[in-house]
Amino acid sequence: MRATIVGTGRMGKWLANVLKEDWNIAVYDADPNKTAGISGVEVLSSPGDISGYRPDILINAVTLGNTIRVFEEVVPYLSKECILADISSIKGDISTYYFHSGYRFVSTHPMFGPTNADMNQPKGESAIIIRESYEVGKNIFREFYEKMGLKLYEFSFSEHDSMMAYSLTLPFSSSMVFAACVDTKAVPGTNFRKHMELAKGILSEDDSLLSEILFNPESIKQLETITSRLEYLKHIILARDYEEAGKFFDRLRENILR
């Protein structure tokens, strides 16, 4: 398998280092400094070099806001047999681009990243393969993910973004609220330190990634759920209602033990 990975940030670089064990890999990044230190792969200096490499699959690993633009930039250098792929956290308009591109495609989302996951041992982590993807592309990533011991799920484009509003917006926004309320003079206990580590990890992500996750059209529903639950908690606290607090805690425990 010959693959070109465009974008060698943290995920792109990780993909290159993992896939090179079984595939022939070429990498390209508009910032040549980002391809430094990736050994055992061919480094391309311009989009035009992709034409000479003739990849079987092109994996777009740039930031979310640049995904479609980069596809448009490199597609003129691809053969029609090449499969387009992305690993974007939010799919948004990518589906529309694929359906009008005339290319076979596969869209996936590895549900882990360099910030809070052990990238050397991702076994047990999850990955999503988009249902509308071409079967040959699905099989390529299914084999790759299964070899890594990942749990695989299949969702449609719309189901994926709806799910991400829950699984990404909810923890991301909660950590942002925590960070917004941090008092640097506070004496940190164990729970405080754990929350701080998580918040620091999330806020070390690229601004475009954080923005795209929050700007997911489904995200506002999750934020409204959060604010309504906080208002209810505020009501219990103001009333000092021990009985209602107990019921509330029981519901919380049921939620996290499901």
Protein backbone atom coordinates (compact mmCIF):
# COMPACT_ATOMS: atom_id res chain seq x y z
CA MET A 1 0.00 0.00 0.00
CA ARG A 2 1.35 3.40 -1.00
CA ALA A 3 -0.01 6.27 1.08
CA THR A 4 0.61 9.99 1.22
CA ILE A 5 -0.13 11.76 4.49
CA VAL A 6 -0.75 15.49 4.14
CA GLY A 7 -0.27 17.36 7.41
CA THR A 8 2.32 16.19 9.90
CA GLY A 9 1.08 17.66 13.14
CA ARG A 10 0.80 15.36 16.11
CA MET A 11 -1.73 12.97 14.56
CA GLY A 12 -0.22 13.06 11.07
CA LYS A 13 3.26 12.32 12.43
CA TRP A 14 1.89 9.51 14.58
CA LEU A 15 0.09 7.97 11.59
CA ALA A 16 3.26 8.12 9.49
CA ASN A 17 5.32 6.40 12.17
CA VAL A 18 2.75 3.65 12.71
CA LEU A 19 1.81 2.99 9.09
CA LYS A 20 5.38 2.90 7.78
CA GLU A 21 5.77 -0.52 9.42
CA ASP A 22 3.52 -2.07 6.76
CA TRP A 23 3.02 0.60 4.07
CA ASN A 24 5.16 2.75 1.83
CA ILE A 25 4.62 6.25 3.20
CA ALA A 26 5.24 9.72 1.80
CA VAL A 27 4.51 12.83 3.84
CA TYR A 28 3.90 16.44 2.89
CA ASP A 29 3.40 19.52 5.03
CA ALA A 30 3.31 23.17 3.95
CA ASP A 31 5.64 23.79 6.89
CA PRO A 32 8.78 21.73 6.11
CA ASN A 33 9.88 21.97 9.76
CA LYS A 34 7.02 19.65 10.71
CA THR A 35 8.32 16.78 8.58
CA ALA A 36 11.70 16.88 10.33
CA GLY A 37 12.44 13.86 12.46
CA ILE A 38 10.14 11.45 10.59
CA SER A 39 12.43 8.67 9.43
CA GLY A 40 11.69 5.79 7.08
CA VAL A 41 9.31 7.78 4.89
CA GLU A 42 9.62 9.82 1.72
CA VAL A 43 9.33 13.54 2.35
CA LEU A 44 7.64 15.52 -0.42
CA SER A 45 8.53 19.16 -0.87
CA SER A 46 5.41 20.33 -2.75
CA PRO A 47 1.88 19.17 -3.61
CA GLY A 48 3.08 18.54 -7.15
CA ASP A 49 5.42 15.82 -5.88
CA ILE A 50 2.36 13.76 -4.95
CA SER A 51 1.74 13.15 -8.64
CA GLY A 52 5.05 11.36 -9.07
CA TYR A 53 4.54 9.29 -5.93
CA ARG A 54 1.17 7.97 -7.16
CA PRO A 55 -0.35 6.98 -3.81
CA ASP A 56 -3.13 4.38 -3.51
CA ILE A 57 -4.61 6.44 -0.68
CA LEU A 58 -4.17 10.06 0.43
CA ILE A 59 -4.79 10.73 4.13
CA ASN A 60 -5.64 14.32 4.94
CA ALA A 61 -4.44 15.00 8.51
CA VAL A 62 -4.40 18.80 8.54
CA THR A 63 -6.43 20.89 10.99
CA LEU A 64 -10.21 20.76 10.67
CA GLY A 65 -10.62 24.23 9.21
CA ASN A 66 -8.16 23.45 6.41
CA THR A 67 -9.28 19.95 5.45
CA ILE A 68 -11.41 20.78 2.39
CA ARG A 69 -9.01 23.48 1.19
CA VAL A 70 -6.11 21.02 1.28
CA PHE A 71 -8.13 18.37 -0.57
CA GLU A 72 -8.82 20.94 -3.30
CA GLU A 73 -5.12 21.80 -3.40
CA VAL A 74 -3.79 18.26 -3.79
CA VAL A 75 -6.53 16.43 -5.74
CA PRO A 76 -5.30 17.75 -9.13
CA TYR A 77 -2.11 15.72 -8.53
CA LEU A 78 -3.91 12.43 -7.82
CA SER A 79 -4.97 9.65 -10.13
CA LYS A 80 -8.68 8.82 -10.19
CA GLU A 81 -7.87 5.46 -8.60
CA CYS A 82 -6.55 7.12 -5.44
CA ILE A 83 -8.77 6.90 -2.35
CA LEU A 84 -9.30 10.09 -0.35
CA ALA A 85 -9.28 9.79 3.44
CA ASP A 86 -9.60 12.02 6.48
CA ILE A 87 -9.41 11.55 10.24
CA SER A 88 -11.32 14.70 11.21
CA SER A 89 -12.99 14.98 14.61
CA ILE A 90 -16.00 16.81 13.12
CA LYS A 91 -17.12 15.94 9.60
CA GLY A 92 -19.32 18.95 8.79
CA ASP A 93 -19.10 19.80 5.07
CA ILE A 94 -16.50 17.11 4.33
CA SER A 95 -19.28 14.70 3.33
CA THR A 96 -20.57 17.15 0.72
CA TYR A 97 -17.06 17.56 -0.65
CA TYR A 98 -16.59 13.80 -0.95
CA PHE A 99 -19.91 13.20 -2.70
CA HIS A 100 -19.06 15.83 -5.34
CA SER A 101 -15.37 14.94 -5.72
CA GLY A 102 -15.75 11.98 -8.05
CA TYR A 103 -13.24 10.05 -5.90
CA ARG A 104 -13.68 7.01 -3.71
CA PHE A 105 -13.29 7.98 -0.08
CA VAL A 106 -13.09 6.74 3.47
CA SER A 107 -13.71 8.91 6.51
CA THR A 108 -12.67 7.76 9.97
CA HIS A 109 -12.08 9.22 13.41
CA PRO A 110 -9.57 7.70 15.84
CA MET A 111 -11.13 8.65 19.18
CA PHE A 112 -7.86 9.30 20.93
CA GLY A 113 -4.98 11.71 20.55
CA PRO A 114 -1.51 12.64 21.70
CA THR A 115 -2.77 14.87 24.52
CA ASN A 116 -4.40 12.37 26.88
CA ALA A 117 -3.81 8.95 25.32
CA ASP A 118 -0.79 6.65 25.25
CA MET A 119 -0.10 6.72 21.53
CA ASN A 120 2.36 3.84 21.84
CA GLN A 121 -0.25 1.62 23.48
CA PRO A 122 -3.71 2.64 22.19
CA LYS A 123 -5.20 -0.84 22.62
CA GLY A 124 -8.73 -0.57 24.00
CA GLU A 125 -9.26 2.94 22.62
CA SER A 126 -12.06 3.55 20.10
CA ALA A 127 -12.23 4.46 16.42
CA ILE A 128 -15.16 5.32 14.18
CA ILE A 129 -15.51 4.45 10.49
CA ILE A 130 -18.11 6.41 8.56
CA ARG A 131 -20.80 4.18 7.07
CA GLU A 132 -21.05 5.99 3.71
CA SER A 133 -17.36 5.34 2.97
CA TYR A 134 -16.42 3.04 0.11
CA GLU A 135 -16.01 -0.55 1.25
CA VAL A 136 -12.43 -0.87 0.03
CA GLY A 137 -11.48 2.16 2.13
CA LYS A 138 -13.35 0.83 5.14
CA ASN A 139 -11.44 -2.43 4.91
CA ILE A 140 -8.08 -0.64 4.76
CA PHE A 141 -8.74 1.23 8.00
CA ARG A 142 -10.61 -1.65 9.61
CA GLU A 143 -7.53 -3.85 9.21
CA PHE A 144 -5.27 -1.07 10.51
CA TYR A 145 -7.41 -0.31 13.56
CA GLU A 146 -8.01 -3.97 14.41
CA LYS A 147 -4.27 -4.63 14.33
CA MET A 148 -3.90 -1.89 16.96
CA GLY A 149 -6.58 -3.50 19.15
CA LEU A 150 -9.05 -0.62 18.86
CA LYS A 151 -12.79 -0.90 19.44
CA LEU A 152 -14.51 -0.14 16.12
CA TYR A 153 -17.82 1.63 15.61
CA GLU A 154 -19.65 2.58 12.43
CA PHE A 155 -21.81 5.69 12.13
CA SER A 156 -23.15 7.81 9.30
CA PHE A 157 -21.72 11.31 8.79
CA SER A 158 -24.68 12.90 10.57
CA GLU A 159 -24.72 10.33 13.38
CA HIS A 160 -21.00 10.92 13.92
CA ASP A 161 -21.30 14.68 14.38
CA SER A 162 -24.30 14.27 16.65
CA MET A 163 -22.35 11.77 18.76
CA MET A 164 -19.31 14.08 18.86
CA ALA A 165 -21.43 16.89 20.27
CA TYR A 166 -21.93 14.61 23.25
CA SER A 167 -18.56 12.87 23.57
CA LEU A 168 -16.38 15.91 22.77
CA THR A 169 -18.38 19.08 23.46
CA LEU A 170 -19.53 17.86 26.87
CA PRO A 171 -16.07 17.15 28.39
CA PHE A 172 -14.36 19.98 26.49
CA SER A 173 -16.82 22.64 27.61
CA SER A 174 -16.83 21.31 31.18
CA SER A 175 -13.03 21.60 31.29
CA MET A 176 -13.22 25.11 29.84
CA VAL A 177 -15.68 26.18 32.54
CA PHE A 178 -13.30 24.74 35.15
CA ALA A 179 -10.36 26.63 33.60
CA ALA A 180 -12.39 29.85 33.51
CA CYS A 181 -13.04 29.59 37.24
CA VAL A 182 -9.55 28.56 38.39
CA ASP A 183 -8.13 30.62 41.21
CA THR A 184 -4.34 30.42 41.10
CA LYS A 185 -4.22 31.05 44.84
CA ALA A 186 -6.24 27.94 45.61
CA VAL A 187 -4.59 25.10 47.53
CA PRO A 188 -4.81 22.14 45.11
CA GLY A 189 -6.14 18.83 46.36
CA THR A 190 -6.08 15.54 44.44
CA ASN A 191 -9.35 16.14 42.58
CA PHE A 192 -8.33 19.69 41.72
CA ARG A 193 -5.00 18.49 40.27
CA LYS A 194 -6.71 15.82 38.15
CA HIS A 195 -9.15 18.37 36.74
CA MET A 196 -6.28 20.77 36.12
CA GLU A 197 -4.28 18.15 34.20
CA LEU A 198 -7.29 17.36 32.01
CA ALA A 199 -7.99 21.05 31.36
CA LYS A 200 -4.35 21.71 30.47
CA GLY A 201 -4.40 18.78 28.06
CA ILE A 202 -7.54 19.97 26.30
CA LEU A 203 -6.36 23.57 26.08
CA SER A 204 -3.05 22.45 24.58
CA GLU A 205 -4.99 21.42 21.47
CA ASP A 206 -4.97 23.60 18.38
CA ASP A 207 -7.42 26.54 18.55
CA SER A 208 -9.01 25.49 15.26
CA LEU A 209 -9.77 22.03 16.66
CA LEU A 210 -11.32 23.45 19.82
CA SER A 211 -13.37 25.94 17.80
CA GLU A 212 -14.65 23.36 15.31
CA ILE A 213 -15.72 21.05 18.13
CA LEU A 214 -17.62 23.86 19.85
CA PHE A 215 -19.06 25.14 16.56
CA ASN A 216 -20.50 21.73 15.69
CA PRO A 217 -24.20 22.53 15.00
CA GLU A 218 -25.18 19.90 17.55
CA SER A 219 -23.02 21.39 20.32
CA ILE A 220 -25.50 24.01 21.50
CA LYS A 221 -27.89 21.25 22.62
CA GLN A 222 -25.21 19.85 24.91
CA LEU A 223 -24.43 23.29 26.31
CA GLU A 224 -28.12 23.85 27.03
CA THR A 225 -28.20 20.51 28.86
CA ILE A 226 -25.20 21.53 30.94
CA THR A 227 -26.69 24.91 31.88
CA SER A 228 -30.05 23.36 32.80
CA ARG A 229 -28.36 20.78 35.06
CA LEU A 230 -26.31 23.54 36.70
CA GLU A 231 -29.44 25.58 37.34
CA TYR A 232 -31.06 22.53 38.94
CA LEU A 233 -27.97 21.95 41.11
CA LYS A 234 -28.00 25.63 42.07
CA HIS A 235 -31.67 25.28 43.12
CA ILE A 236 -30.83 22.29 45.36
CA ILE A 237 -27.94 24.13 46.98
CA LEU A 238 -29.93 27.31 47.65
CA ALA A 239 -32.75 25.26 49.19
CA ARG A 240 -30.29 23.10 51.17
CA ASP A 241 -32.56 20.20 50.20
CA TYR A 242 -30.76 17.07 51.44
CA GLU A 243 -33.46 14.71 50.17
CA GLU A 244 -33.40 16.17 46.65
CA ALA A 245 -29.59 16.21 46.72
CA GLY A 246 -29.59 12.49 47.52
CA LYS A 247 -31.92 11.77 44.59
CA PHE A 248 -29.70 13.87 42.34
CA PHE A 249 -26.54 12.01 43.42
CA ASP A 250 -28.27 8.67 42.81
CA ARG A 251 -29.16 9.71 39.26
CA LEU A 252 -25.56 10.77 38.67
CA ARG A 253 -24.27 7.41 39.88
CA GLU A 254 -26.75 5.58 37.65
CA ASN A 255 -25.59 7.63 34.65
CA ILE A 256 -21.89 6.87 35.06
CA LEU A 257 -22.40 3.17 35.91
CA ARG A 258 -24.48 2.35 32.84
